[in-house]
Amino acid sequence: MRRRDFITAFGAGAALLPLGVHAQSSVKSIGFLRTTSATAWGSWVGAFTQRLNELNWVDGRNVAIEFRWAEGNYDRFTEIASEFARRKVDVIVTSGGAVTAAKQVTQSIPIVFAVANDPVGMGLVASFARPGGNVTGLSLQAPDLSGKRIEIIREVVPDLRRLAILGNIGYPASMLEMNEVQDTAKTLGVEGVSWRSGASRTSCRCSTS
């Protein structure tokens, strides 16, 4: 199983294991909110439903999965999350920037994220040891890794003097990464030049000169 499939499978298990202590006869509902398209997330969906089946949660029998795809449109995150809140699903499974949108619309429905760059830094959870609230999941620790990447680039290109960074100001995790890159670059004596875009999709590109 590939790493991303494992992450999704883990999210499925974390989302529904607590439900196992309740009546198995009732149908539970999962709001499955993904940031891009069904095509891009095909393998994740396969791993998700497979793990649910292994835990005896079968879509259409004792669980109903409502799939929604934001197609990379940030405005859709809140719209879809609000729909799930109105429908009172039992759990919302999502990732990335959509986690923040889901948390803003409900403080009672459990939210499980398959991937989040820095849940503590983004204010999604209080801490790793005691997340608190209604949000939990897996973290990539992206800001820390961003700094490490700059250190590796500097080892590969010892005479690196100037670094260009492009990020989306509409995505808090992107800004955390950019700040970490800037701080690390300054420590290494590299000039950091940043461009902050408000585009609907997050992008990050580095170049040297």
Protein backbone atom coordinates (compact mmCIF):
# COMPACT_ATOMS: atom_id res chain seq x y z
CA MET A 1 0.00 0.00 0.00
CA ARG A 2 1.38 3.40 -0.96
CA ARG A 3 1.94 6.06 1.70
CA ARG A 4 -1.00 8.21 0.67
CA ASP A 5 -3.30 5.15 0.65
CA PHE A 6 -2.16 4.35 4.16
CA ILE A 7 -2.95 7.89 5.31
CA THR A 8 -6.46 7.67 3.90
CA ALA A 9 -7.03 4.23 5.36
CA PHE A 10 -5.88 5.51 8.73
CA GLY A 11 -8.31 8.40 8.46
CA ALA A 12 -11.13 5.97 7.74
CA GLY A 13 -10.31 3.90 10.78
CA ALA A 14 -9.94 6.91 13.05
CA ALA A 15 -13.23 8.30 11.82
CA LEU A 16 -15.36 5.27 12.53
CA LEU A 17 -13.72 3.23 15.26
CA PRO A 18 -15.49 5.27 17.97
CA LEU A 19 -18.80 4.58 16.24
CA GLY A 20 -18.34 0.86 16.78
CA VAL A 21 -19.41 1.17 20.42
CA HIS A 22 -22.84 2.39 19.38
CA ALA A 23 -25.70 0.43 17.91
CA GLN A 24 -24.48 -1.34 14.78
CA SER A 25 -28.01 -1.45 13.35
CA SER A 26 -28.19 2.30 12.71
CA VAL A 27 -26.76 3.74 9.51
CA LYS A 28 -23.97 6.25 10.12
CA SER A 29 -23.16 9.03 7.66
CA ILE A 30 -19.75 10.28 6.52
CA GLY A 31 -19.24 13.61 4.81
CA PHE A 32 -16.24 13.06 2.53
CA LEU A 33 -14.91 16.47 1.48
CA ARG A 34 -11.95 16.55 -0.87
CA THR A 35 -10.18 19.62 -2.17
CA THR A 36 -9.71 18.62 -5.81
CA SER A 37 -11.46 16.13 -8.11
CA ALA A 38 -12.72 12.55 -7.98
CA THR A 39 -10.14 11.62 -10.62
CA ALA A 40 -7.24 13.00 -8.59
CA TRP A 41 -8.43 11.26 -5.42
CA GLY A 42 -9.40 7.93 -6.99
CA SER A 43 -6.79 5.83 -5.19
CA TRP A 44 -7.53 7.55 -1.87
CA VAL A 45 -11.23 6.72 -2.19
CA GLY A 46 -10.40 3.10 -2.96
CA ALA A 47 -8.20 2.80 0.14
CA PHE A 48 -10.79 4.60 2.25
CA THR A 49 -13.71 2.35 1.32
CA GLN A 50 -11.56 -0.78 1.49
CA ARG A 51 -10.51 -0.02 5.06
CA LEU A 52 -14.09 0.73 6.02
CA ASN A 53 -15.14 -2.66 4.66
CA GLU A 54 -12.39 -4.34 6.68
CA LEU A 55 -13.87 -2.68 9.76
CA ASN A 56 -17.32 -3.98 8.75
CA TRP A 57 -18.60 -0.59 7.63
CA VAL A 58 -20.13 -1.10 4.19
CA ASP A 59 -21.37 1.84 2.15
CA GLY A 60 -25.10 1.44 1.50
CA ARG A 61 -25.56 -1.09 4.29
CA ASN A 62 -24.59 0.35 7.68
CA VAL A 63 -22.85 3.53 6.56
CA ALA A 64 -23.66 6.18 3.95
CA ILE A 65 -20.74 8.07 2.40
CA GLU A 66 -21.53 11.43 0.84
CA PHE A 67 -18.72 12.40 -1.52
CA ARG A 68 -18.16 16.04 -2.42
CA TRP A 69 -15.42 17.46 -4.62
CA ALA A 70 -14.32 21.10 -4.38
CA GLU A 71 -12.42 20.99 -7.70
CA GLY A 72 -9.68 23.22 -6.26
CA ASN A 73 -12.14 26.03 -5.48
CA TYR A 74 -11.50 27.40 -1.99
CA ASP A 75 -14.95 28.97 -1.82
CA ARG A 76 -16.46 25.51 -2.13
CA PHE A 77 -14.78 24.30 1.08
CA THR A 78 -17.09 26.31 3.34
CA GLU A 79 -20.11 25.67 1.13
CA ILE A 80 -19.67 21.89 1.28
CA ALA A 81 -18.75 21.83 4.97
CA SER A 82 -21.86 23.89 5.75
CA GLU A 83 -23.97 21.42 3.80
CA PHE A 84 -22.59 18.54 5.87
CA ALA A 85 -23.28 20.48 9.07
CA ARG A 86 -26.90 21.10 8.03
CA ARG A 87 -27.33 17.42 7.18
CA LYS A 88 -25.81 16.52 10.56
CA VAL A 89 -23.46 13.85 9.27
CA ASP A 90 -21.78 11.73 11.95
CA VAL A 91 -18.24 12.62 10.88
CA ILE A 92 -16.50 14.79 8.27
CA VAL A 93 -13.38 13.38 6.60
CA THR A 94 -11.25 15.92 4.75
CA SER A 95 -7.74 17.34 4.35
CA GLY A 96 -5.62 20.44 3.75
CA GLY A 97 -7.29 23.84 3.67
CA ALA A 98 -10.76 22.30 3.87
CA VAL A 99 -10.11 21.32 7.51
CA THR A 100 -10.21 24.97 8.58
CA ALA A 101 -13.47 25.51 6.71
CA ALA A 102 -15.04 22.46 8.37
CA LYS A 103 -13.95 23.55 11.83
CA GLN A 104 -15.44 27.01 11.29
CA VAL A 105 -18.91 25.65 10.53
CA THR A 106 -19.17 23.02 13.29
CA GLN A 107 -17.74 22.51 16.76
CA SER A 108 -19.76 19.36 17.45
CA ILE A 109 -19.37 17.05 14.44
CA PRO A 110 -16.08 15.07 14.61
CA ILE A 111 -13.63 16.10 11.87
CA VAL A 112 -10.87 13.71 10.79
CA PHE A 113 -8.17 15.01 8.43
CA ALA A 114 -6.12 12.58 6.38
CA VAL A 115 -3.43 15.22 5.82
CA ALA A 116 -2.71 18.64 7.37
CA ASN A 117 0.55 20.55 7.06
CA ASP A 118 0.73 22.00 10.57
CA PRO A 119 -2.47 21.48 12.60
CA VAL A 120 -1.06 23.18 15.71
CA GLY A 121 0.31 26.21 13.85
CA MET A 122 -2.96 26.56 11.92
CA GLY A 123 -4.97 26.47 15.13
CA LEU A 124 -6.81 23.26 14.23
CA VAL A 125 -5.74 21.50 17.43
CA ALA A 126 -4.36 22.71 20.75
CA SER A 127 -1.41 20.31 20.74
CA PHE A 128 -0.36 16.92 19.41
CA ALA A 129 -0.62 15.32 22.85
CA ARG A 130 -4.02 16.84 23.62
CA PRO A 131 -5.71 18.03 20.42
CA GLY A 132 -8.98 18.91 22.17
CA GLY A 133 -12.08 20.08 20.35
CA ASN A 134 -13.63 18.06 17.54
CA VAL A 135 -10.66 17.81 15.15
CA THR A 136 -8.03 15.07 14.84
CA GLY A 137 -5.92 13.38 12.16
CA LEU A 138 -2.42 13.13 10.72
CA SER A 139 0.16 15.88 10.22
CA LEU A 140 2.90 16.25 7.61
CA GLN A 141 4.78 18.85 9.68
CA ALA A 142 5.31 20.76 6.43
CA PRO A 143 6.82 23.97 7.90
CA ASP A 144 9.63 22.00 9.58
CA LEU A 145 10.23 20.08 6.37
CA SER A 146 10.29 23.32 4.36
CA GLY A 147 13.22 24.57 6.42
CA LYS A 148 15.02 21.25 5.99
CA ARG A 149 14.56 21.43 2.23
CA ILE A 150 16.32 24.80 2.12
CA GLU A 151 19.20 23.34 4.13
CA ILE A 152 19.46 20.47 1.63
CA ILE A 153 19.34 22.86 -1.33
CA ARG A 154 22.16 24.85 0.23
CA GLU A 155 24.26 21.67 0.59
CA VAL A 156 23.63 20.78 -3.06
CA VAL A 157 24.22 24.36 -4.25
CA PRO A 158 26.84 25.77 -1.82
CA ASP A 159 27.02 29.15 -3.59
CA LEU A 160 23.26 29.72 -3.39
CA ARG A 161 22.69 33.41 -2.65
CA ARG A 162 19.13 34.25 -3.67
CA LEU A 163 15.90 32.27 -3.33
CA ALA A 164 12.49 33.03 -4.86
CA ILE A 165 9.33 31.73 -3.20
CA LEU A 166 5.73 31.75 -4.47
CA GLY A 167 2.82 31.01 -2.12
CA ASN A 168 -0.92 31.53 -1.69
CA ILE A 169 -1.89 34.05 1.01
CA GLY A 170 -5.36 32.51 1.08
CA TYR A 171 -4.01 29.27 2.57
CA PRO A 172 -2.64 29.64 6.13
CA ALA A 173 -0.42 26.55 5.86
CA SER A 174 1.28 28.04 2.80
CA MET A 175 2.13 31.17 4.76
CA LEU A 176 3.57 29.12 7.62
CA GLU A 177 5.81 27.32 5.14
CA MET A 178 6.90 30.56 3.49
CA ASN A 179 7.82 32.08 6.86
CA GLU A 180 9.86 29.00 7.77
CA VAL A 181 11.66 29.15 4.42
CA GLN A 182 12.42 32.84 4.94
CA ASP A 183 13.77 32.26 8.45
CA THR A 184 15.92 29.32 7.39
CA ALA A 185 17.24 31.19 4.35
CA LYS A 186 18.21 34.16 6.53
CA THR A 187 20.07 31.85 8.93
CA LEU A 188 22.01 30.40 6.01
CA GLY A 189 22.85 33.81 4.60
CA VAL A 190 20.52 33.41 1.62
CA GLU A 191 18.37 36.30 0.45
CA GLY A 192 14.71 35.32 0.31
CA VAL A 193 12.39 37.03 -2.17
CA SER A 194 8.70 36.14 -1.85
CA TRP A 195 5.64 36.56 -4.04
CA ARG A 196 2.29 36.11 -2.32
CA SER A 197 -0.59 35.32 -4.59
CA GLY A 198 -4.30 35.21 -3.80
CA ALA A 199 -5.01 32.53 -6.38
CA SER A 200 -7.64 29.89 -5.64
CA ARG A 201 -5.04 27.14 -5.69
CA THR A 202 -1.98 26.86 -3.53
CA SER A 203 1.35 26.74 -5.29
CA CYS A 204 4.91 26.88 -4.19
CA ARG A 205 7.91 27.17 -6.44
CA CYS A 206 11.50 27.91 -5.62
CA SER A 207 14.26 29.08 -7.93
CA THR A 208 17.82 30.17 -7.43
CA SER A 209 20.05 32.80 -8.94
